[in-house]
Protein backbone atom coordinates (compact mmCIF):
# COMPACT_ATOMS: atom_id res chain seq x y z
CA UNK A 1 39.27 31.23 13.26
CA UNK A 2 40.26 28.96 10.40
CA UNK A 3 39.23 29.35 6.80
CA UNK A 4 39.87 26.95 3.93
CA UNK A 5 39.41 27.68 0.24
CA UNK A 6 40.26 25.52 -2.75
CA UNK A 7 41.62 25.97 -6.21
CA UNK A 8 42.05 23.16 -8.70
CA UNK A 9 43.81 22.43 -11.94
CA UNK A 10 43.59 19.72 -14.59
CA UNK A 11 46.23 19.12 -17.26
CA UNK A 12 46.65 16.88 -20.26
CA UNK A 13 49.55 16.45 -22.65
CA UNK A 14 53.19 17.40 -22.41
CA UNK A 15 54.71 20.56 -20.99
CA UNK A 16 54.88 22.52 -24.26
CA UNK A 17 52.11 20.89 -26.28
CA UNK A 18 49.68 20.25 -23.45
CA UNK A 19 47.39 22.51 -21.56
CA UNK A 20 45.21 22.81 -18.55
CA UNK A 21 42.33 24.56 -16.89
CA UNK A 22 42.23 26.28 -13.51
CA UNK A 23 39.13 26.66 -11.33
CA UNK A 24 38.30 28.09 -7.93
CA UNK A 25 35.85 26.92 -5.30
CA UNK A 26 33.81 30.11 -5.67
CA UNK A 27 33.46 29.58 -9.41
CA UNK A 28 35.01 32.97 -10.22
CA UNK A 29 37.53 31.00 -12.24
CA UNK A 30 35.85 28.07 -13.91
CA UNK A 31 37.98 26.10 -16.31
CA UNK A 32 40.20 29.04 -17.25
CA UNK A 33 42.84 27.94 -19.77
CA UNK A 34 46.54 27.95 -18.88
CA UNK A 35 49.64 26.41 -20.33
CA UNK A 36 53.22 26.86 -21.46
CA UNK A 37 52.28 29.49 -24.04
CA UNK A 38 50.35 31.65 -21.57
CA UNK A 39 53.09 31.31 -18.97
CA UNK A 40 56.21 31.87 -21.03
CA UNK A 41 55.18 33.28 -24.41
CA UNK A 42 52.34 35.70 -23.72
CA UNK A 43 49.72 33.41 -25.23
CA UNK A 44 46.03 33.39 -24.32
CA UNK A 45 44.93 32.19 -20.90
CA UNK A 46 46.27 32.74 -17.43
CA UNK A 47 49.31 31.48 -15.54
CA UNK A 48 50.25 30.80 -11.92
CA UNK A 49 52.33 33.97 -11.61
CA UNK A 50 49.53 36.35 -12.58
CA UNK A 51 47.16 34.51 -10.24
CA UNK A 52 49.68 34.87 -7.42
CA UNK A 53 50.05 38.55 -8.34
CA UNK A 54 46.29 39.07 -8.19
CA UNK A 55 46.08 37.23 -4.87
CA UNK A 56 48.96 39.23 -3.40
CA UNK A 57 47.60 42.57 -4.63
CA UNK A 58 44.17 41.74 -3.22
CA UNK A 59 45.49 40.52 0.12
CA UNK A 60 47.87 43.46 0.59
CA UNK A 61 45.21 46.02 -0.35
CA UNK A 62 42.68 44.49 2.03
CA UNK A 63 45.29 44.36 4.81
CA UNK A 64 46.14 48.03 4.20
CA UNK A 65 42.48 48.94 4.56
CA UNK A 66 42.54 47.30 7.99
CA UNK A 67 45.74 49.05 9.03
CA UNK A 68 44.29 52.39 7.94
CA UNK A 69 41.14 51.72 9.98
CA UNK A 70 43.34 51.23 13.07
CA UNK A 71 44.65 54.77 12.43
CA UNK A 72 41.08 56.14 11.97
CA UNK A 73 41.65 56.59 8.23
CA UNK A 74 39.49 55.42 5.34
CA UNK A 75 40.76 55.26 1.78
CA UNK A 76 38.78 56.71 -1.06
CA UNK A 77 40.87 54.56 -3.38
CA UNK A 78 43.63 51.97 -3.05
CA UNK A 79 45.01 50.62 -6.32
CA UNK A 80 47.71 47.95 -6.16
CA UNK A 81 49.57 46.08 -8.90
CA UNK A 82 51.75 43.11 -7.92
CA UNK A 83 54.46 42.20 -10.42
CA UNK A 84 55.65 38.62 -9.89
CA UNK A 85 59.09 37.71 -11.24
CA UNK A 86 59.77 34.15 -12.39
CA UNK A 87 63.48 33.44 -12.93
CA UNK A 88 65.56 30.40 -13.71
CA UNK A 89 67.68 29.71 -10.63
CA UNK A 90 70.13 26.81 -10.40
CA UNK A 91 68.54 25.04 -13.36
CA UNK A 92 64.90 25.34 -12.29
CA UNK A 93 62.30 28.06 -12.12
CA UNK A 94 61.54 30.04 -8.97
CA UNK A 95 59.45 33.05 -8.07
CA UNK A 96 62.20 35.36 -6.89
CA UNK A 97 60.51 38.68 -6.39
CA UNK A 98 57.19 40.43 -6.03
CA UNK A 99 56.95 44.19 -6.44
CA UNK A 100 53.86 45.92 -5.08
CA UNK A 101 52.98 49.25 -6.65
CA UNK A 102 50.32 51.15 -4.68
CA UNK A 103 48.59 54.41 -5.51
CA UNK A 104 46.21 55.66 -2.83
CA UNK A 105 43.84 58.51 -2.12
CA UNK A 106 43.25 58.86 1.62
CA UNK A 107 41.78 62.04 3.07
CA UNK A 108 43.65 63.18 6.17
CA UNK A 109 46.68 60.95 5.68
CA UNK A 110 50.18 62.38 5.69
CA UNK A 111 53.08 60.75 3.85
CA UNK A 112 54.75 59.37 6.99
CA UNK A 113 51.60 57.67 8.33
CA UNK A 114 50.75 56.39 4.87
CA UNK A 115 54.17 54.82 4.33
CA UNK A 116 54.14 53.25 7.80
CA UNK A 117 50.69 51.77 7.16
CA UNK A 118 51.75 50.42 3.75
CA UNK A 119 54.88 48.80 5.23
CA UNK A 120 52.85 47.21 8.03
CA UNK A 121 50.32 45.84 5.54
CA UNK A 122 53.12 44.45 3.31
CA UNK A 123 54.75 42.68 6.26
CA UNK A 124 51.52 41.30 7.73
CA UNK A 125 49.46 40.37 4.68
CA UNK A 126 49.03 36.55 4.77
CA UNK A 127 50.12 36.19 1.14
CA UNK A 128 53.32 38.20 1.85
CA UNK A 129 54.02 35.81 4.72
CA UNK A 130 53.47 32.82 2.43
CA UNK A 131 55.79 33.90 -0.35
CA UNK A 132 59.49 33.18 0.09
CA UNK A 133 60.49 35.97 -2.28
CA UNK A 134 61.94 39.44 -2.08
CA UNK A 135 58.91 41.73 -1.80
CA UNK A 136 59.33 45.44 -2.55
CA UNK A 137 56.81 48.25 -2.33
CA UNK A 138 56.32 51.64 -3.96
CA UNK A 139 53.53 53.57 -2.29
CA UNK A 140 52.27 56.91 -3.61
CA UNK A 141 49.70 58.99 -1.75
CA UNK A 142 47.60 61.23 -3.96
CA UNK A 143 45.53 64.14 -2.76
């Protein structure tokens, strides 16, 4: 099974004084502003790193749901935050790390099974496979 989805961006102006808009095929993002200020200075709009973080958190969390189902477990709640690190490396920028922070409520799960499921999801999530970055995971099971 193959699935293709698109995202698009338009930009005008220079790096620091210009700006752009990002959209997705589904229309969930439709002309959302991004630029130097939102990427490096905390200005309004989005940036590629937070979009990658959202995609990674969503992919990992969905993958974990599948891994839990294989173990006959169903989560009441899975909450994941992906922190994407952008560093200057050898004179240019690179995404060097993604840290996944997961808090879960899963009836009937013990810590060992939970950690194994979280590791498997981290390793097999398609976005994890795509990223050439150091990916770490903190997983906390709540009762």
